[in-house]
Amino acid sequence: MKFQKIGFLGLGLIGGSLAKALKLYDKNIEIIATTRREETVQKAYWDGLITNSALLKPEDFHDCDIIFLCAPVKDNIDYLKSLKDVVGEQTLITDVGSVKKPIMDEAEKLGLSKQFIGGHPMTGKEVGGYDVSDPEILTNAPYIIVSEHEVNQDFLDIITEAFHSRLIFMTADEHDRAVAVISHVPHIIASSLVHLAVDSDNDDNVLQQICAGGFKDITRIASSGPALWQGIIFENKKQVLDMIDSYSHELELYKKAIENDDVEGLMRLMSESKKYRDSIR
């Protein structure tokens, strides 16, 4: 590997998975990391994943070749600010956040845009934390890259060769609109469906007892951490609101078809959805 030392600020599900994948790819790579909980750092140290056993300060990352920001979006922006006067121009900084426009704008404002690479591995679980991190979740997952400048090829090679992920290049606006459709609004929908069940259930909780695979599948992501998702949604507020309006329109089409006994119309809507869903890899 061309890079000898890699730093992680945040070592949860995604950060831990990325770090583990790097270590599997090159056991000689030095990885350092810090996070909010020293217990997490100590676990990663005893796992042989990182070389530090205690929490670090931003200045401790000064000689890293690459720094991965793997905390919530707002925290990543704060980390980026703290690194501005710490790292040299040769250090690449990247993030894994679910919203790209705010941090890309901040990188430009800080004069770091040439060395900052917006990143978003499109993978995860409904539970988070270092304990459930797993490099396998990166395999064949789309890894979105956002940058206004030419991206270092050695960095891209890490994504394809160490993470075994699929590169997809987008602008920040394209990314934030896309994830509003396929990630952020679906999370809101899943949460609202659970609320519908709660509000519709009786004192014996019969709905909770009889809910089957379909309901469990479509609401699985409602088990994700509310605090994390609150931050994501508000960071992408405009795009999320636009897509909620679009989704409300879609629901209205289904409602009207049912109200009007429009069998053909409902069949068309459901057939179009099935065709698109079946095409997703």
C-alpha atoms as a PDB file:
ATOM      1  CA  MET A   1       0.000   0.000   0.000  1.00  0.00           C
ATOM      2  CA  LYS A   2       1.261   3.484  -0.875  1.00  0.00           C
ATOM      3  CA  PHE A   3      -0.097   4.848   2.419  1.00  0.00           C
ATOM      4  CA  GLN A   4       1.729   3.887   5.611  1.00  0.00           C
ATOM      5  CA  LYS A   5      -0.297   5.583   8.357  1.00  0.00           C
ATOM      6  CA  ILE A   6      -4.057   6.103   8.426  1.00  0.00           C
ATOM      7  CA  GLY A   7      -6.107   7.854  11.076  1.00  0.00           C
ATOM      8  CA  PHE A   8      -9.743   7.496  12.090  1.00  0.00           C
ATOM      9  CA  LEU A   9     -11.780  10.040  13.982  1.00  0.00           C
ATOM     10  CA  GLY A  10     -14.767   7.925  14.915  1.00  0.00           C
ATOM     11  CA  LEU A  11     -14.621   4.147  15.135  1.00  0.00           C
ATOM     12  CA  GLY A  12     -18.200   2.929  15.098  1.00  0.00           C
ATOM     13  CA  LEU A  13     -19.902   0.613  12.622  1.00  0.00           C
ATOM     14  CA  ILE A  14     -18.541   2.264   9.476  1.00  0.00           C
ATOM     15  CA  GLY A  15     -15.226   3.500  10.837  1.00  0.00           C
ATOM     16  CA  GLY A  16     -14.501   0.151  12.459  1.00  0.00           C
ATOM     17  CA  SER A  17     -15.458  -1.736   9.299  1.00  0.00           C
ATOM     18  CA  LEU A  18     -13.196   0.431   7.132  1.00  0.00           C
ATOM     19  CA  ALA A  19     -10.283   0.111   9.547  1.00  0.00           C
ATOM     20  CA  LYS A  20     -10.672  -3.672   9.745  1.00  0.00           C
ATOM     21  CA  ALA A  21     -10.798  -3.935   5.958  1.00  0.00           C
ATOM     22  CA  LEU A  22      -7.575  -1.924   5.685  1.00  0.00           C
ATOM     23  CA  LYS A  23      -5.838  -4.144   8.216  1.00  0.00           C
ATOM     24  CA  LEU A  24      -6.921  -7.267   6.373  1.00  0.00           C
ATOM     25  CA  TYR A  25      -5.610  -5.767   3.130  1.00  0.00           C
ATOM     26  CA  ASP A  26      -2.233  -4.752   4.594  1.00  0.00           C
ATOM     27  CA  LYS A  27      -1.319  -6.026   8.044  1.00  0.00           C
ATOM     28  CA  ASN A  28       1.689  -3.667   8.136  1.00  0.00           C
ATOM     29  CA  ILE A  29      -0.375  -0.500   7.835  1.00  0.00           C
ATOM     30  CA  GLU A  30      -0.354   1.650  10.975  1.00  0.00           C
ATOM     31  CA  ILE A  31      -3.804   2.762  12.072  1.00  0.00           C
ATOM     32  CA  ILE A  32      -4.528   5.233  14.855  1.00  0.00           C
ATOM     33  CA  ALA A  33      -7.982   6.270  16.015  1.00  0.00           C
ATOM     34  CA  THR A  34      -9.937   8.265  18.510  1.00  0.00           C
ATOM     35  CA  THR A  35     -13.608   8.361  19.372  1.00  0.00           C
ATOM     36  CA  ARG A  36     -15.939   9.665  22.058  1.00  0.00           C
ATOM     37  CA  ARG A  37     -15.468   6.635  24.286  1.00  0.00           C
ATOM     38  CA  GLU A  38     -12.027   5.536  25.471  1.00  0.00           C
ATOM     39  CA  GLU A  39     -13.440   2.030  25.948  1.00  0.00           C
ATOM     40  CA  THR A  40     -13.852   1.749  22.164  1.00  0.00           C
ATOM     41  CA  VAL A  41     -10.251   2.796  21.576  1.00  0.00           C
ATOM     42  CA  GLN A  42      -9.043   0.247  24.090  1.00  0.00           C
ATOM     43  CA  LYS A  43     -11.073  -2.540  22.438  1.00  0.00           C
ATOM     44  CA  ALA A  44      -9.627  -1.691  19.032  1.00  0.00           C
ATOM     45  CA  TYR A  45      -6.121  -1.598  20.542  1.00  0.00           C
ATOM     46  CA  TRP A  46      -6.458  -5.031  22.159  1.00  0.00           C
ATOM     47  CA  ASP A  47      -7.895  -6.330  18.881  1.00  0.00           C
ATOM     48  CA  GLY A  48      -4.604  -5.324  17.265  1.00  0.00           C
ATOM     49  CA  LEU A  49      -6.406  -2.924  14.953  1.00  0.00           C
ATOM     50  CA  ILE A  50      -4.879   0.372  16.123  1.00  0.00           C
ATOM     51  CA  THR A  51      -1.573   1.321  17.741  1.00  0.00           C
ATOM     52  CA  ASN A  52      -2.857   3.773  20.351  1.00  0.00           C
ATOM     53  CA  SER A  53      -4.553   2.633  23.557  1.00  0.00           C
ATOM     54  CA  ALA A  54      -5.910   6.002  24.703  1.00  0.00           C
ATOM     55  CA  LEU A  55      -7.887   8.889  23.222  1.00  0.00           C
ATOM     56  CA  LEU A  56      -6.020  11.210  20.869  1.00  0.00           C
ATOM     57  CA  LYS A  57      -6.091  14.919  20.080  1.00  0.00           C
ATOM     58  CA  PRO A  58      -6.323  16.331  16.530  1.00  0.00           C
ATOM     59  CA  GLU A  59      -2.615  17.197  16.530  1.00  0.00           C
ATOM     60  CA  ASP A  60      -1.773  13.511  17.004  1.00  0.00           C
ATOM     61  CA  PHE A  61      -2.953  12.948  13.414  1.00  0.00           C
ATOM     62  CA  HIS A  62      -0.446  15.388  11.888  1.00  0.00           C
ATOM     63  CA  ASP A  63       1.653  12.721  10.133  1.00  0.00           C
ATOM     64  CA  CYS A  64      -1.162  10.556   8.770  1.00  0.00           C
ATOM     65  CA  ASP A  65      -1.315   9.901   5.028  1.00  0.00           C
ATOM     66  CA  ILE A  66      -5.108   9.681   5.137  1.00  0.00           C
ATOM     67  CA  ILE A  67      -7.611  10.687   7.804  1.00  0.00           C
ATOM     68  CA  PHE A  68     -11.112   9.205   7.799  1.00  0.00           C
ATOM     69  CA  LEU A  69     -13.794  11.265   9.527  1.00  0.00           C
ATOM     70  CA  CYS A  70     -16.346   8.680  10.679  1.00  0.00           C
ATOM     71  CA  ALA A  71     -18.477  10.566  13.183  1.00  0.00           C
ATOM     72  CA  PRO A  72     -21.921  12.186  12.740  1.00  0.00           C
ATOM     73  CA  VAL A  73     -22.016  14.925  10.079  1.00  0.00           C
ATOM     74  CA  LYS A  74     -21.765  17.891  12.466  1.00  0.00           C
ATOM     75  CA  ASP A  75     -18.927  16.255  14.391  1.00  0.00           C
ATOM     76  CA  ASN A  76     -17.069  15.561  11.147  1.00  0.00           C
ATOM     77  CA  ILE A  77     -17.290  19.260  10.269  1.00  0.00           C
ATOM     78  CA  ASP A  78     -15.874  20.157  13.686  1.00  0.00           C
ATOM     79  CA  TYR A  79     -13.074  17.624  13.213  1.00  0.00           C
ATOM     80  CA  LEU A  80     -12.303  19.122   9.805  1.00  0.00           C
ATOM     81  CA  LYS A  81     -11.961  22.568  11.371  1.00  0.00           C
ATOM     82  CA  SER A  82      -9.636  21.209  14.062  1.00  0.00           C
ATOM     83  CA  LEU A  83      -7.400  19.565  11.443  1.00  0.00           C
ATOM     84  CA  LYS A  84      -6.903  22.655   9.292  1.00  0.00           C
ATOM     85  CA  ASP A  85      -3.751  23.868  11.058  1.00  0.00           C
ATOM     86  CA  VAL A  86      -2.572  20.375  11.982  1.00  0.00           C
ATOM     87  CA  VAL A  87      -2.023  18.516   8.719  1.00  0.00           C
ATOM     88  CA  GLY A  88       0.117  19.349   5.733  1.00  0.00           C
ATOM     89  CA  GLU A  89      -0.989  19.588   2.131  1.00  0.00           C
ATOM     90  CA  GLN A  90       0.075  15.985   1.501  1.00  0.00           C
ATOM     91  CA  THR A  91      -2.496  14.560   3.914  1.00  0.00           C
ATOM     92  CA  LEU A  92      -5.757  13.393   2.375  1.00  0.00           C
ATOM     93  CA  ILE A  93      -8.880  13.862   4.461  1.00  0.00           C
ATOM     94  CA  THR A  94     -12.128  12.076   3.735  1.00  0.00           C
ATOM     95  CA  ASP A  95     -15.439  11.482   5.474  1.00  0.00           C
ATOM     96  CA  VAL A  96     -18.170   8.857   5.372  1.00  0.00           C
ATOM     97  CA  GLY A  97     -21.138  11.070   6.218  1.00  0.00           C
ATOM     98  CA  SER A  98     -24.668  10.651   4.879  1.00  0.00           C
ATOM     99  CA  VAL A  99     -24.898  14.304   3.799  1.00  0.00           C
ATOM    100  CA  LYS A 100     -22.252  15.902   1.609  1.00  0.00           C
ATOM    101  CA  LYS A 101     -23.092  19.552   0.861  1.00  0.00           C
ATOM    102  CA  PRO A 102     -22.382  20.999   4.353  1.00  0.00           C
ATOM    103  CA  ILE A 103     -18.955  19.399   4.745  1.00  0.00           C
ATOM    104  CA  MET A 104     -17.932  20.071   1.127  1.00  0.00           C
ATOM    105  CA  ASP A 105     -18.803  23.743   1.653  1.00  0.00           C
ATOM    106  CA  GLU A 106     -16.797  23.787   4.884  1.00  0.00           C
ATOM    107  CA  ALA A 107     -13.771  22.225   3.184  1.00  0.00           C
ATOM    108  CA  GLU A 108     -13.915  24.963   0.546  1.00  0.00           C
ATOM    109  CA  LYS A 109     -14.235  27.636   3.215  1.00  0.00           C
ATOM    110  CA  LEU A 110     -11.230  26.256   5.104  1.00  0.00           C
ATOM    111  CA  GLY A 111      -9.085  26.035   1.967  1.00  0.00           C
ATOM    112  CA  LEU A 112      -8.939  22.237   2.203  1.00  0.00           C
ATOM    113  CA  SER A 113     -10.975  21.350  -0.873  1.00  0.00           C
ATOM    114  CA  LYS A 114      -7.963  20.072  -2.863  1.00  0.00           C
ATOM    115  CA  GLN A 115      -7.115  17.494  -0.209  1.00  0.00           C
ATOM    116  CA  PHE A 116     -10.613  16.743   1.060  1.00  0.00           C
ATOM    117  CA  ILE A 117     -12.551  13.912  -0.581  1.00  0.00           C
ATOM    118  CA  GLY A 118     -16.220  13.520   0.242  1.00  0.00           C
ATOM    119  CA  GLY A 119     -17.077   9.876   0.675  1.00  0.00           C
ATOM    120  CA  HIS A 120     -20.111   7.789   1.532  1.00  0.00           C
ATOM    121  CA  PRO A 121     -20.076   3.976   1.677  1.00  0.00           C
ATOM    122  CA  MET A 122     -23.687   3.002   1.029  1.00  0.00           C
ATOM    123  CA  THR A 123     -23.916   0.201   3.556  1.00  0.00           C
ATOM    124  CA  GLY A 124     -24.732  -0.338   7.199  1.00  0.00           C
ATOM    125  CA  LYS A 125     -26.868  -2.127   9.754  1.00  0.00           C
ATOM    126  CA  GLU A 126     -29.811  -1.123  11.914  1.00  0.00           C
ATOM    127  CA  VAL A 127     -27.468  -1.276  14.915  1.00  0.00           C
ATOM    128  CA  GLY A 128     -24.255   0.681  15.310  1.00  0.00           C
ATOM    129  CA  GLY A 129     -20.996   0.711  17.200  1.00  0.00           C
ATOM    130  CA  TYR A 130     -17.524  -0.769  16.958  1.00  0.00           C
ATOM    131  CA  ASP A 131     -18.674  -4.135  18.342  1.00  0.00           C
ATOM    132  CA  VAL A 132     -20.775  -4.834  15.230  1.00  0.00           C
ATOM    133  CA  SER A 133     -18.282  -3.454  12.699  1.00  0.00           C
ATOM    134  CA  ASP A 134     -17.545  -5.909   9.910  1.00  0.00           C
ATOM    135  CA  PRO A 135     -15.465  -5.396   6.738  1.00  0.00           C
ATOM    136  CA  GLU A 136     -17.781  -7.742   4.856  1.00  0.00           C
ATOM    137  CA  ILE A 137     -20.537  -5.102   4.781  1.00  0.00           C
ATOM    138  CA  LEU A 138     -18.347  -3.079   2.399  1.00  0.00           C
ATOM    139  CA  THR A 139     -18.064  -5.836  -0.213  1.00  0.00           C
ATOM    140  CA  ASN A 140     -19.755  -4.814  -3.466  1.00  0.00           C
ATOM    141  CA  ALA A 141     -21.378  -1.851  -1.726  1.00  0.00           C
ATOM    142  CA  PRO A 142     -21.579   1.427  -3.670  1.00  0.00           C
ATOM    143  CA  TYR A 143     -18.983   3.900  -2.375  1.00  0.00           C
ATOM    144  CA  ILE A 144     -19.873   7.426  -3.435  1.00  0.00           C
ATOM    145  CA  ILE A 145     -17.069   9.923  -4.066  1.00  0.00           C
ATOM    146  CA  VAL A 146     -17.690  13.670  -4.113  1.00  0.00           C
ATOM    147  CA  SER A 147     -14.879  16.018  -5.123  1.00  0.00           C
ATOM    148  CA  GLU A 148     -14.451  19.070  -7.335  1.00  0.00           C
ATOM    149  CA  HIS A 149     -10.842  18.089  -7.988  1.00  0.00           C
ATOM    150  CA  GLU A 150      -9.058  15.063  -9.421  1.00  0.00           C
ATOM    151  CA  VAL A 151      -9.072  12.332  -6.796  1.00  0.00           C
ATOM    152  CA  ASN A 152      -5.852  10.578  -5.794  1.00  0.00           C
ATOM    153  CA  GLN A 153      -5.752   7.232  -7.638  1.00  0.00           C
ATOM    154  CA  ASP A 154      -4.089   5.419  -4.742  1.00  0.00           C
ATOM    155  CA  PHE A 155      -7.010   6.446  -2.545  1.00  0.00           C
ATOM    156  CA  LEU A 156      -9.488   5.132  -5.106  1.00  0.00           C
ATOM    157  CA  ASP A 157      -7.536   1.867  -5.247  1.00  0.00           C
ATOM    158  CA  ILE A 158      -8.113   1.429  -1.515  1.00  0.00           C
ATOM    159  CA  ILE A 159     -11.859   1.590  -2.068  1.00  0.00           C
ATOM    160  CA  THR A 160     -11.873  -1.003  -4.831  1.00  0.00           C
ATOM    161  CA  GLU A 161      -9.072  -3.281  -3.605  1.00  0.00           C
ATOM    162  CA  ALA A 162      -9.181  -3.058   0.203  1.00  0.00           C
ATOM    163  CA  PHE A 163     -12.873  -2.348   0.719  1.00  0.00           C
ATOM    164  CA  HIS A 164     -14.018  -4.277  -2.390  1.00  0.00           C
ATOM    165  CA  SER A 165     -16.597  -1.544  -2.965  1.00  0.00           C
ATOM    166  CA  ARG A 166     -17.967  -0.057  -6.195  1.00  0.00           C
ATOM    167  CA  LEU A 167     -16.956   3.522  -7.005  1.00  0.00           C
ATOM    168  CA  ILE A 168     -19.677   6.004  -7.931  1.00  0.00           C
ATOM    169  CA  PHE A 169     -18.874   9.676  -8.580  1.00  0.00           C
ATOM    170  CA  MET A 170     -21.477  12.366  -7.857  1.00  0.00           C
ATOM    171  CA  THR A 171     -21.737  16.045  -7.024  1.00  0.00           C
ATOM    172  CA  ALA A 172     -22.734  17.043  -3.490  1.00  0.00           C
ATOM    173  CA  ASP A 173     -26.188  18.155  -4.651  1.00  0.00           C
ATOM    174  CA  GLU A 174     -26.753  14.945  -6.615  1.00  0.00           C
ATOM    175  CA  HIS A 175     -25.699  12.883  -3.627  1.00  0.00           C
ATOM    176  CA  ASP A 176     -27.898  14.673  -1.103  1.00  0.00           C
ATOM    177  CA  ARG A 177     -30.946  14.445  -3.349  1.00  0.00           C
ATOM    178  CA  ALA A 178     -30.309  10.762  -4.026  1.00  0.00           C
ATOM    179  CA  VAL A 179     -29.886   9.763  -0.387  1.00  0.00           C
ATOM    180  CA  ALA A 180     -32.986  11.749   0.552  1.00  0.00           C
ATOM    181  CA  VAL A 181     -34.921   9.428  -1.792  1.00  0.00           C
ATOM    182  CA  ILE A 182     -33.319   6.066  -0.992  1.00  0.00           C
ATOM    183  CA  SER A 183     -32.217   6.515   2.619  1.00  0.00           C
ATOM    184  CA  HIS A 184     -33.473   9.515   4.591  1.00  0.00           C
ATOM    185  CA  VAL A 185     -37.156   9.567   3.606  1.00  0.00           C
ATOM    186  CA  PRO A 186     -37.403   5.743   3.795  1.00  0.00           C
ATOM    187  CA  HIS A 187     -36.183   6.003   7.389  1.00  0.00           C
ATOM    188  CA  ILE A 188     -38.930   8.517   8.128  1.00  0.00           C
ATOM    189  CA  ILE A 189     -41.469   6.256   6.404  1.00  0.00           C
ATOM    190  CA  ALA A 190     -40.342   3.230   8.428  1.00  0.00           C
ATOM    191  CA  SER A 191     -40.593   5.202  11.651  1.00  0.00           C
ATOM    192  CA  SER A 192     -44.018   6.576  10.737  1.00  0.00           C
ATOM    193  CA  LEU A 193     -45.311   3.076   9.903  1.00  0.00           C
ATOM    194  CA  VAL A 194     -44.307   1.907  13.358  1.00  0.00           C
ATOM    195  CA  HIS A 195     -46.157   4.911  14.793  1.00  0.00           C
ATOM    196  CA  LEU A 196     -49.194   3.899  12.740  1.00  0.00           C
ATOM    197  CA  ALA A 197     -49.066   0.436  14.313  1.00  0.00           C
ATOM    198  CA  VAL A 198     -48.660   1.889  17.800  1.00  0.00           C
ATOM    199  CA  ASP A 199     -51.609   4.231  17.321  1.00  0.00           C
ATOM    200  CA  SER A 200     -53.758   1.445  15.813  1.00  0.00           C
ATOM    201  CA  ASP A 201     -52.970  -1.275  18.341  1.00  0.00           C
ATOM    202  CA  ASN A 202     -55.273  -2.259  21.188  1.00  0.00           C
ATOM    203  CA  ASP A 203     -54.617  -2.772  24.894  1.00  0.00           C
ATOM    204  CA  ASP A 204     -53.583  -6.383  24.250  1.00  0.00           C
ATOM    205  CA  ASN A 205     -50.966  -5.289  21.717  1.00  0.00           C
ATOM    206  CA  VAL A 206     -52.404  -7.661  19.140  1.00  0.00           C
ATOM    207  CA  LEU A 207     -50.653  -5.925  16.226  1.00  0.00           C
ATOM    208  CA  GLN A 208     -47.310  -6.358  17.935  1.00  0.00           C
ATOM    209  CA  GLN A 209     -48.053 -10.069  18.306  1.00  0.00           C
ATOM    210  CA  ILE A 210     -49.161 -10.765  14.732  1.00  0.00           C
ATOM    211  CA  CYS A 211     -46.865  -8.523  12.663  1.00  0.00           C
ATOM    212  CA  ALA A 212     -45.161 -10.732  10.095  1.00  0.00           C
ATOM    213  CA  GLY A 213     -42.201 -10.602   7.737  1.00  0.00           C
ATOM    214  CA  GLY A 214     -43.449  -7.837   5.474  1.00  0.00           C
ATOM    215  CA  PHE A 215     -43.944  -5.341   8.284  1.00  0.00           C
ATOM    216  CA  LYS A 216     -40.689  -6.340   9.946  1.00  0.00           C
ATOM    217  CA  ASP A 217     -38.744  -5.984   6.680  1.00  0.00           C
ATOM    218  CA  ILE A 218     -40.094  -2.562   5.778  1.00  0.00           C
ATOM    219  CA  THR A 219     -39.669  -1.162   9.306  1.00  0.00           C
ATOM    220  CA  ARG A 220     -36.278  -2.720  10.131  1.00  0.00           C
ATOM    221  CA  ILE A 221     -34.404   0.559   9.819  1.00  0.00           C
ATOM    222  CA  ALA A 222     -36.704   2.190  12.382  1.00  0.00           C
ATOM    223  CA  SER A 223     -34.517   0.389  14.952  1.00  0.00           C
ATOM    224  CA  SER A 224     -31.544   2.615  14.041  1.00  0.00           C
ATOM    225  CA  GLY A 225     -30.369   5.208  16.564  1.00  0.00           C
ATOM    226  CA  PRO A 226     -32.812   8.159  16.673  1.00  0.00           C
ATOM    227  CA  ALA A 227     -30.138  10.702  17.662  1.00  0.00           C
ATOM    228  CA  LEU A 228     -27.960   9.815  14.671  1.00  0.00           C
ATOM    229  CA  TRP A 229     -30.860  10.007  12.234  1.00  0.00           C
ATOM    230  CA  GLN A 230     -32.177  13.241  13.661  1.00  0.00           C
ATOM    231  CA  GLY A 231     -28.840  14.847  12.853  1.00  0.00           C
ATOM    232  CA  ILE A 232     -28.738  13.376   9.340  1.00  0.00           C
ATOM    233  CA  ILE A 233     -32.262  14.515   8.492  1.00  0.00           C
ATOM    234  CA  PHE A 234     -31.778  18.077   9.664  1.00  0.00           C
ATOM    235  CA  GLU A 235     -28.448  18.364   7.843  1.00  0.00           C
ATOM    236  CA  ASN A 236     -30.303  17.437   4.638  1.00  0.00           C
ATOM    237  CA  LYS A 237     -33.490  19.310   5.541  1.00  0.00           C
ATOM    238  CA  LYS A 238     -34.349  20.902   2.187  1.00  0.00           C
ATOM    239  CA  GLN A 239     -33.889  17.733   0.140  1.00  0.00           C
ATOM    240  CA  VAL A 240     -35.785  15.653   2.710  1.00  0.00           C
ATOM    241  CA  LEU A 241     -38.735  18.055   2.741  1.00  0.00           C
ATOM    242  CA  ASP A 242     -38.836  18.112  -1.064  1.00  0.00           C
ATOM    243  CA  MET A 243     -38.903  14.318  -1.192  1.00  0.00           C
ATOM    244  CA  ILE A 244     -41.559  14.067   1.516  1.00  0.00           C
ATOM    245  CA  ASP A 245     -43.734  16.258  -0.723  1.00  0.00           C
ATOM    246  CA  SER A 246     -42.968  13.990  -3.680  1.00  0.00           C
ATOM    247  CA  TYR A 247     -43.773  10.891  -1.652  1.00  0.00           C
ATOM    248  CA  SER A 248     -47.036  12.423  -0.459  1.00  0.00           C
ATOM    249  CA  HIS A 249     -47.948  12.883  -4.129  1.00  0.00           C
ATOM    250  CA  GLU A 250     -47.144   9.227  -4.815  1.00  0.00           C
ATOM    251  CA  LEU A 251     -49.345   8.109  -1.923  1.00  0.00           C
ATOM    252  CA  GLU A 252     -52.145  10.300  -3.248  1.00  0.00           C
ATOM    253  CA  LEU A 253     -51.980   8.476  -6.605  1.00  0.00           C
ATOM    254  CA  TYR A 254     -52.496   5.158  -4.833  1.00  0.00           C
ATOM    255  CA  LYS A 255     -55.261   6.608  -2.676  1.00  0.00           C
ATOM    256  CA  LYS A 256     -57.165   7.972  -5.681  1.00  0.00           C
ATOM    257  CA  ALA A 257     -56.853   4.681  -7.559  1.00  0.00           C
ATOM    258  CA  ILE A 258     -58.378   2.837  -4.598  1.00  0.00           C
ATOM    259  CA  GLU A 259     -61.099   5.464  -4.015  1.00  0.00           C
ATOM    260  CA  ASN A 260     -62.121   5.338  -7.674  1.00  0.00           C
ATOM    261  CA  ASP A 261     -62.026   1.532  -7.893  1.00  0.00           C
ATOM    262  CA  ASP A 262     -59.392   2.025 -10.575  1.00  0.00           C
ATOM    263  CA  VAL A 263     -58.165  -1.561 -10.772  1.00  0.00           C
ATOM    264  CA  GLU A 264     -56.059  -0.954 -13.870  1.00  0.00           C
ATOM    265  CA  GLY A 265     -54.516   2.191 -12.400  1.00  0.00           C
ATOM    266  CA  LEU A 266     -53.521   0.440  -9.178  1.00  0.00           C
ATOM    267  CA  MET A 267     -52.145  -2.505 -11.148  1.00  0.00           C
ATOM    268  CA  ARG A 268     -50.077  -0.124 -13.285  1.00  0.00           C
ATOM    269  CA  LEU A 269     -48.608   1.629 -10.247  1.00  0.00           C
ATOM    270  CA  MET A 270     -47.727  -1.629  -8.523  1.00  0.00           C
ATOM    271  CA  SER A 271     -46.361  -3.206 -11.708  1.00  0.00           C
ATOM    272  CA  GLU A 272     -44.093  -0.217 -12.357  1.00  0.00           C
ATOM    273  CA  SER A 273     -42.796  -0.453  -8.795  1.00  0.00           C
ATOM    274  CA  LYS A 274     -42.195  -4.185  -9.078  1.00  0.00           C
ATOM    275  CA  LYS A 275     -40.276  -3.811 -12.336  1.00  0.00           C
ATOM    276  CA  TYR A 276     -37.959  -1.144 -10.881  1.00  0.00           C
ATOM    277  CA  ARG A 277     -37.483  -3.004  -7.584  1.00  0.00           C
ATOM    278  CA  ASP A 278     -36.663  -6.251  -9.383  1.00  0.00           C
ATOM    279  CA  SER A 279     -33.918  -4.455 -11.330  1.00  0.00           C
ATOM    280  CA  ILE A 280     -32.069  -3.378  -8.168  1.00  0.00           C
ATOM    281  CA  ARG A 281     -29.006  -5.496  -7.529  1.00  0.00           C
END
